[in-house]
Protein backbone atom coordinates (compact mmCIF):
# COMPACT_ATOMS: atom_id res chain seq x y z
CA MET A 1 161.75 -57.69 46.51
CA GLY A 2 163.66 -55.39 44.19
CA ALA A 3 166.11 -52.86 44.67
CA VAL A 4 164.60 -49.23 45.62
CA LYS A 5 164.51 -47.23 43.12
CA TYR A 6 161.30 -45.28 43.91
CA SER A 7 160.48 -43.60 47.04
CA LEU A 8 156.31 -42.51 48.08
CA VAL A 9 156.60 -39.84 50.81
CA VAL A 10 153.26 -40.24 53.00
CA PRO A 11 152.39 -37.27 55.49
CA VAL A 12 150.08 -38.91 57.72
CA TYR A 13 147.90 -36.91 60.02
CA CYS A 14 144.50 -37.93 61.42
CA ASN A 15 143.98 -40.82 58.56
CA GLU A 16 143.30 -43.88 60.67
CA ASP A 17 139.97 -44.49 58.91
CA SER A 18 141.84 -44.29 55.64
CA ILE A 19 145.09 -46.70 56.52
CA GLY A 20 143.71 -50.10 55.04
CA GLU A 21 142.83 -48.22 51.78
CA LEU A 22 145.94 -45.96 51.95
CA ILE A 23 147.85 -49.48 52.18
CA GLU A 24 145.97 -51.22 49.45
CA ALA A 25 147.24 -48.19 47.00
CA VAL A 26 150.64 -48.07 48.08
CA GLY A 27 150.35 -51.57 46.92
CA ARG A 28 148.92 -51.06 43.65
CA LEU A 29 152.00 -48.37 42.93
CA ASP A 30 154.62 -50.59 43.76
CA ARG A 31 153.59 -53.72 42.08
CA ALA A 32 153.07 -50.79 39.10
CA LEU A 33 156.25 -50.29 39.62
CA ASP A 34 157.96 -53.98 39.10
CA GLY A 35 158.42 -53.61 43.16
CA GLY A 36 160.92 -50.91 43.11
CA LEU A 37 158.97 -48.40 45.70
CA GLU A 38 159.46 -47.86 49.01
CA ALA A 39 156.80 -46.24 50.73
CA VAL A 40 157.61 -43.69 54.02
CA PHE A 41 154.88 -42.95 56.28
CA VAL A 42 155.53 -39.76 58.35
CA VAL A 43 153.04 -39.25 60.75
CA ASP A 44 152.60 -35.82 61.99
CA GLY A 45 152.20 -35.88 65.72
CA SER A 46 148.84 -37.33 65.02
CA PRO A 47 146.16 -37.76 68.08
CA ASP A 48 143.93 -40.57 66.48
CA ARG A 49 145.86 -44.17 66.26
CA SER A 50 147.26 -43.75 62.77
CA TYR A 51 150.44 -45.04 63.97
CA GLU A 52 149.33 -47.86 65.87
CA ARG A 53 147.11 -49.02 62.66
CA LEU A 54 149.95 -48.79 60.29
CA ASP A 55 152.36 -50.20 62.81
CA ALA A 56 150.19 -52.96 62.88
CA ALA A 57 149.27 -53.24 59.42
CA LEU A 58 152.79 -52.64 57.70
CA PRO A 59 154.51 -56.16 58.62
CA GLY A 60 152.34 -58.11 56.80
CA SER A 61 151.85 -55.66 53.75
CA GLY A 62 154.52 -56.85 51.43
CA LEU A 63 155.64 -53.14 51.25
CA ASN A 64 159.41 -52.28 51.71
CA ALA A 65 158.66 -49.05 54.37
CA GLN A 66 159.59 -46.99 56.44
CA LEU A 67 157.95 -45.59 59.81
CA ILE A 68 158.38 -42.65 60.80
CA ALA A 69 156.58 -40.58 64.40
CA LEU A 70 157.75 -37.22 64.55
CA SER A 71 157.81 -36.10 67.97
CA ARG A 72 154.25 -33.06 67.60
CA ASN A 73 152.79 -31.90 64.97
CA PHE A 74 155.08 -29.47 63.02
CA GLY A 75 152.74 -29.19 59.57
CA SER A 76 152.39 -31.55 56.84
CA PHE A 77 155.39 -29.37 54.92
CA SER A 78 158.08 -31.00 57.87
CA ALA A 79 156.39 -33.93 57.53
CA VAL A 80 157.07 -34.04 54.14
CA ARG A 81 160.60 -32.69 54.61
CA GLU A 82 161.39 -35.64 57.01
CA GLY A 83 160.24 -38.34 54.87
CA LEU A 84 162.33 -36.94 51.86
CA ALA A 85 165.46 -36.96 54.41
CA ALA A 86 164.52 -40.86 54.73
CA SER A 87 164.10 -41.42 51.14
CA ARG A 88 166.54 -43.72 49.78
CA GLY A 89 165.27 -43.60 46.23
CA ASP A 90 166.32 -42.59 43.02
CA TYR A 91 163.34 -40.59 42.91
CA MET A 92 160.83 -39.30 45.36
CA ALA A 93 157.15 -38.57 45.08
CA MET A 94 154.74 -37.56 48.00
CA MET A 95 150.96 -38.37 48.28
CA ALA A 96 148.49 -37.22 50.80
CA ALA A 97 147.28 -39.90 53.42
CA ASP A 98 143.51 -38.94 52.50
CA LEU A 99 144.18 -40.42 49.07
CA GLN A 100 142.49 -37.99 46.74
CA GLU A 101 145.37 -37.76 44.70
CA PRO A 102 144.86 -40.36 42.11
CA GLU A 103 147.30 -43.45 41.68
CA GLU A 104 148.01 -42.95 37.81
CA LEU A 105 149.40 -39.29 39.10
CA ILE A 106 152.22 -40.93 41.09
CA LEU A 107 153.01 -43.38 38.31
CA ALA A 108 153.30 -40.30 35.81
CA PHE A 109 155.29 -38.37 38.25
CA PHE A 110 157.56 -41.20 38.66
CA ARG A 111 157.79 -41.59 34.64
CA ALA A 112 158.47 -38.43 33.67
CA LEU A 113 161.23 -38.35 36.45
CA ALA A 114 162.94 -41.68 35.10
CA ASN A 115 162.67 -40.83 31.11
CA GLU A 116 162.48 -37.42 30.00
CA PRO A 117 165.02 -34.53 30.99
CA ILE A 118 163.67 -32.80 34.13
CA ASP A 119 164.01 -33.26 38.14
CA VAL A 120 160.70 -32.08 39.18
CA ALA A 121 157.36 -32.65 38.39
CA LEU A 122 154.36 -30.70 39.73
CA GLY A 123 150.70 -31.78 40.08
CA VAL A 124 148.50 -29.37 38.68
CA ARG A 125 144.59 -29.42 39.43
CA THR A 126 142.44 -29.44 36.85
CA GLY A 127 139.64 -28.57 38.67
CA ARG A 128 138.11 -29.44 42.13
CA ASP A 129 135.15 -30.95 43.59
CA ASP A 130 135.16 -28.99 46.63
CA PRO A 131 131.53 -26.96 47.79
CA PRO A 132 131.36 -23.38 45.47
CA ALA A 133 132.77 -21.13 48.84
CA ALA A 134 135.77 -23.77 49.05
CA ARG A 135 136.48 -23.10 45.50
CA MET A 136 136.28 -19.73 45.75
CA ALA A 137 138.71 -19.34 48.45
CA ALA A 138 141.09 -21.42 46.76
CA THR A 139 141.13 -19.48 43.70
CA LEU A 140 141.52 -15.90 45.62
CA PHE A 141 144.23 -17.43 47.91
CA TRP A 142 146.71 -19.31 44.77
CA TRP A 143 145.59 -15.36 42.82
CA LEU A 144 146.74 -13.49 45.79
CA TYR A 145 149.83 -16.08 45.64
CA ARG A 146 150.83 -15.70 42.17
CA ARG A 147 150.06 -11.96 42.47
CA PHE A 148 152.24 -10.80 45.58
CA VAL A 149 154.30 -13.27 46.41
CA GLN A 150 155.84 -15.87 43.38
CA PRO A 151 153.98 -15.00 39.94
CA ASP A 152 155.31 -18.73 38.26
CA VAL A 153 153.46 -21.15 40.50
CA PRO A 154 150.44 -22.50 38.15
CA PRO A 155 147.35 -20.99 38.63
CA GLY A 156 145.54 -24.00 40.62
CA GLY A 157 148.44 -23.82 42.84
CA ILE A 158 150.29 -27.36 43.60
CA ASP A 159 149.54 -29.89 46.42
CA VAL A 160 151.94 -32.55 45.67
CA PHE A 161 155.52 -33.22 43.33
CA ALA A 162 158.21 -35.18 42.53
CA CYS A 163 161.79 -35.21 42.28
CA ASN A 164 165.23 -36.47 42.11
CA ARG A 165 167.88 -36.73 44.27
CA ALA A 166 169.30 -33.17 42.81
CA PHE A 167 166.49 -31.30 43.69
CA ARG A 168 166.23 -33.27 46.95
CA ASP A 169 169.31 -32.38 48.71
CA HIS A 170 168.80 -28.67 47.54
CA LEU A 171 166.19 -28.14 49.03
CA LEU A 172 167.14 -30.19 51.75
CA GLU A 173 169.77 -27.31 52.23
CA MET A 174 167.12 -24.61 52.59
CA ARG A 175 166.69 -24.93 56.65
CA GLU A 176 164.66 -21.60 57.38
CA THR A 177 161.60 -21.59 59.65
CA ASN A 178 158.24 -19.95 58.40
CA THR A 179 158.22 -20.52 55.22
CA SER A 180 156.33 -22.01 52.89
CA LEU A 181 157.77 -25.37 51.02
CA VAL A 182 156.10 -24.73 47.35
CA GLY A 183 157.68 -21.22 47.35
CA GLN A 184 160.60 -22.92 47.72
CA ILE A 185 160.15 -25.88 45.19
CA VAL A 186 159.35 -22.57 42.63
CA TRP A 187 162.52 -20.91 43.86
CA LEU A 188 164.98 -23.62 43.08
CA GLY A 189 163.81 -23.68 39.46
CA PHE A 190 165.85 -26.43 37.89
CA ARG A 191 163.72 -28.11 34.82
CA ARG A 192 159.82 -28.64 35.72
CA LYS A 193 157.05 -30.29 34.35
CA LEU A 194 153.56 -29.33 35.21
CA ILE A 195 151.31 -32.65 35.43
CA PRO A 196 148.04 -32.25 35.58
CA TYR A 197 145.18 -34.20 37.07
CA ARG A 198 141.89 -33.85 39.37
CA ARG A 199 141.72 -34.07 42.47
CA LEU A 200 138.92 -36.66 43.59
CA PRO A 201 136.62 -36.24 46.70
CA ARG A 202 137.58 -36.87 49.92
CA ARG A 203 136.67 -40.90 51.35
CA HIS A 204 137.31 -40.32 55.00
CA GLY A 205 137.59 -37.40 57.76
CA THR A 206 137.58 -33.68 57.16
CA SER A 207 140.57 -31.33 55.74
CA ALA A 208 142.68 -29.98 58.64
CA TRP A 209 143.63 -27.00 56.02
CA SER A 210 141.88 -24.34 58.35
CA PHE A 211 141.39 -21.12 57.10
CA SER A 212 143.60 -20.07 59.67
CA ARG A 213 146.31 -22.61 58.39
CA LYS A 214 145.23 -20.58 54.97
CA LEU A 215 146.08 -17.70 55.57
CA LYS A 216 150.03 -18.55 58.08
CA TYR A 217 150.80 -20.23 54.98
CA LEU A 218 149.74 -16.95 52.50
CA LEU A 219 151.73 -14.78 55.33
CA ASP A 220 154.83 -17.28 56.06
CA SER A 221 155.06 -17.59 51.71
CA LEU A 222 154.91 -13.56 51.30
CA PHE A 223 157.31 -12.81 53.98
CA ALA A 224 159.66 -15.15 53.08
CA PHE A 225 159.65 -14.75 49.44
CA SER A 226 158.80 -11.33 48.82
CA ASP A 227 159.55 -7.89 50.13
CA PHE A 228 156.18 -6.90 48.75
CA PRO A 229 154.95 -5.26 52.19
CA ILE A 230 158.27 -3.21 52.12
CA ARG A 231 157.63 -1.55 48.64
CA ALA A 232 154.54 -1.03 49.09
CA LEU A 233 155.21 1.08 52.90
CA THR A 234 158.09 2.57 50.49
CA TRP A 235 156.06 3.55 47.60
CA ALA A 236 153.19 5.33 50.21
CA GLY A 237 155.77 7.30 52.48
CA ALA A 238 156.76 8.96 48.80
CA ALA A 239 153.10 9.32 47.68
CA GLY A 240 152.97 10.79 51.03
CA LEU A 241 155.76 13.27 50.82
CA ALA A 242 154.53 14.11 47.19
CA ILE A 243 150.58 14.75 48.34
CA SER A 244 152.37 16.50 51.57
CA ILE A 245 154.29 19.30 49.59
CA VAL A 246 151.17 20.13 47.10
CA LEU A 247 148.71 20.51 50.50
CA ALA A 248 151.84 22.93 51.80
CA LEU A 249 151.47 25.12 48.72
CA ILE A 250 147.45 25.09 48.82
CA VAL A 251 147.58 25.70 52.91
CA LEU A 252 150.23 28.32 52.25
CA VAL A 253 148.03 30.31 49.61
CA ALA A 254 145.27 29.94 51.50
CA LYS A 255 147.16 31.62 54.22
CA MET A 256 148.83 34.26 52.30
CA THR A 257 145.68 35.32 51.11
CA GLY A 258 143.59 35.29 54.09
CA ALA A 259 141.25 32.47 53.43
CA ILE A 260 142.65 30.53 57.05
CA ASP A 261 142.85 32.76 59.48
CA VAL A 262 143.22 30.58 62.72
CA PRO A 263 146.79 30.45 64.59
CA GLY A 264 148.77 28.46 63.98
CA TYR A 265 146.62 26.28 62.01
CA ALA A 266 149.15 26.23 58.78
CA ALA A 267 151.90 25.34 60.76
CA THR A 268 150.32 22.71 62.57
CA VAL A 269 149.04 21.07 59.66
CA LEU A 270 151.96 21.40 57.79
CA THR A 271 154.28 19.35 60.13
CA ILE A 272 151.49 16.94 60.43
CA ILE A 273 151.43 16.12 56.86
CA PHE A 274 154.84 16.42 55.84
CA PHE A 275 156.57 14.29 58.92
CA ALA A 276 153.87 11.68 58.95
CA ALA A 277 154.50 11.02 55.12
CA LEU A 278 158.46 10.93 56.26
CA ASN A 279 157.73 8.48 59.03
CA SER A 280 156.47 6.43 56.41
CA PHE A 281 159.23 6.87 53.75
CA GLY A 282 161.75 6.10 56.53
CA LEU A 283 160.63 3.19 58.14
CA GLY A 284 160.02 1.62 53.95
CA ILE A 285 164.41 2.69 53.81
CA ILE A 286 164.80 1.05 57.24
CA GLY A 287 161.97 -2.01 56.18
CA SER A 288 164.71 -2.74 53.08
CA TYR A 289 167.61 -2.80 55.36
CA THR A 290 165.83 -5.01 57.34
CA TRP A 291 164.62 -7.37 54.83
CA ARG A 292 167.96 -8.19 53.38
CA ALA A 293 169.53 -8.49 56.64
CA TYR A 294 166.21 -11.17 57.03
CA GLU A 295 167.31 -12.94 53.24
CA ASN A 296 171.15 -13.69 55.15
CA THR A 297 169.75 -14.77 57.93
CA LYS A 298 167.97 -17.66 55.96
CA GLY A 299 171.12 -19.63 54.50
CA ARG A 300 170.15 -20.02 51.07
CA PRO A 301 172.58 -20.92 48.71
CA GLN A 302 173.34 -18.08 46.32
CA ALA A 303 172.79 -20.53 43.07
CA ALA A 304 171.66 -24.15 42.85
CA VAL A 305 173.88 -25.92 40.58
CA LEU A 306 171.88 -28.45 37.69
CA ARG A 307 174.75 -30.16 36.37
CA ALA A 308 178.47 -29.91 36.15
CA LYS A 309 181.02 -31.60 33.41
CA SER A 310 184.76 -31.46 32.61
CA TYR A 311 185.99 -32.28 29.17
CA ALA A 312 188.88 -34.41 28.87
CA PRO A 313 191.63 -33.33 26.12
CA ASP A 314 190.69 -36.27 23.86
CA GLY A 315 187.39 -34.79 23.66
CA ASP A 316 185.59 -37.19 25.88
CA ARG A 317 182.88 -35.91 28.61
CA ARG A 318 181.90 -36.89 31.76
CA LEU A 319 180.21 -35.20 35.22
CA GLU A 320 182.56 -34.04 37.48
CA PRO A 321 182.77 -37.36 39.87
CA ALA A 322 181.30 -35.18 43.47
CA LEU A 323 178.23 -34.49 41.28
CA THR A 324 177.22 -38.10 40.27
CA ASP A 325 174.46 -39.99 41.31
CA ALA A 326 174.17 -38.71 44.82
CA ARG A 327 173.70 -34.98 43.71
CA MET A 328 172.63 -35.22 40.35
CA GLY A 329 169.98 -38.31 40.45
CA VAL A 330 170.96 -38.68 36.85
CA VAL A 331 174.30 -39.89 35.09
CA GLU A 332 174.73 -38.89 31.07
């Protein structure tokens, strides 16, 4: 068995029916990579027998593998992070246990990372075999995500990715909760490559990616990576103040010309309109300060270093020792 160069992280949840096919697929990938693959299976509190079936099958599979069981269902993103933290390869990729990502995509990930000047590869769907309603919902979801959260996200979104050690280390430094792994990947930047693929039909079970989970994911992404709600409230308050001034002039003119003869009407209307708009505007300002305090509690690094070099007096250049291999995943 060769040295570990590649790590494949596989989050597992309610996939007991596909365990046999999953191990066969990982075995084919291992052979295609000349035995340099490590498989990291992370069972995310699955209520079925996924863990037991993996535990029984892995010893005789011939794979270099890790099997991790989380104490409960934390979600696929948390499972992926745990798998990345345990990975020992120079390059890491993730693959869903439902076998909807073609094996060629994982190989393309690793080849791109090993042979091209990139740090992260993103799998981008070129099409969906989902029912029409699911396709429309997915299209709407990612349009909203690109429009209000992160415009740099590919139109079809991101389902799977691969990265080198440098990117992995920076990603794991971001320890915030109620956030989006996709958002963190896009936020980090680095040198990236989009690799198109067409997702395969699901052969076993049903997706646990329900509407409520999608909605929570969108809201977590919105509040973690965008101040749009606060800006919308601020602009609504500013617009309300402008409208209240116009309406105040109209009511005042109507009062002076006798068009309004109800005692106290003008004062009541002007007071309600003005202070309601002022309240919205004030909440927007307070929200802006709250947003900045929230940003400071996340603990994200202010910048992510791609690489650092030093130059010797004789003109030779080299990477700083602290940034070779473990930090960078590449050596020049």
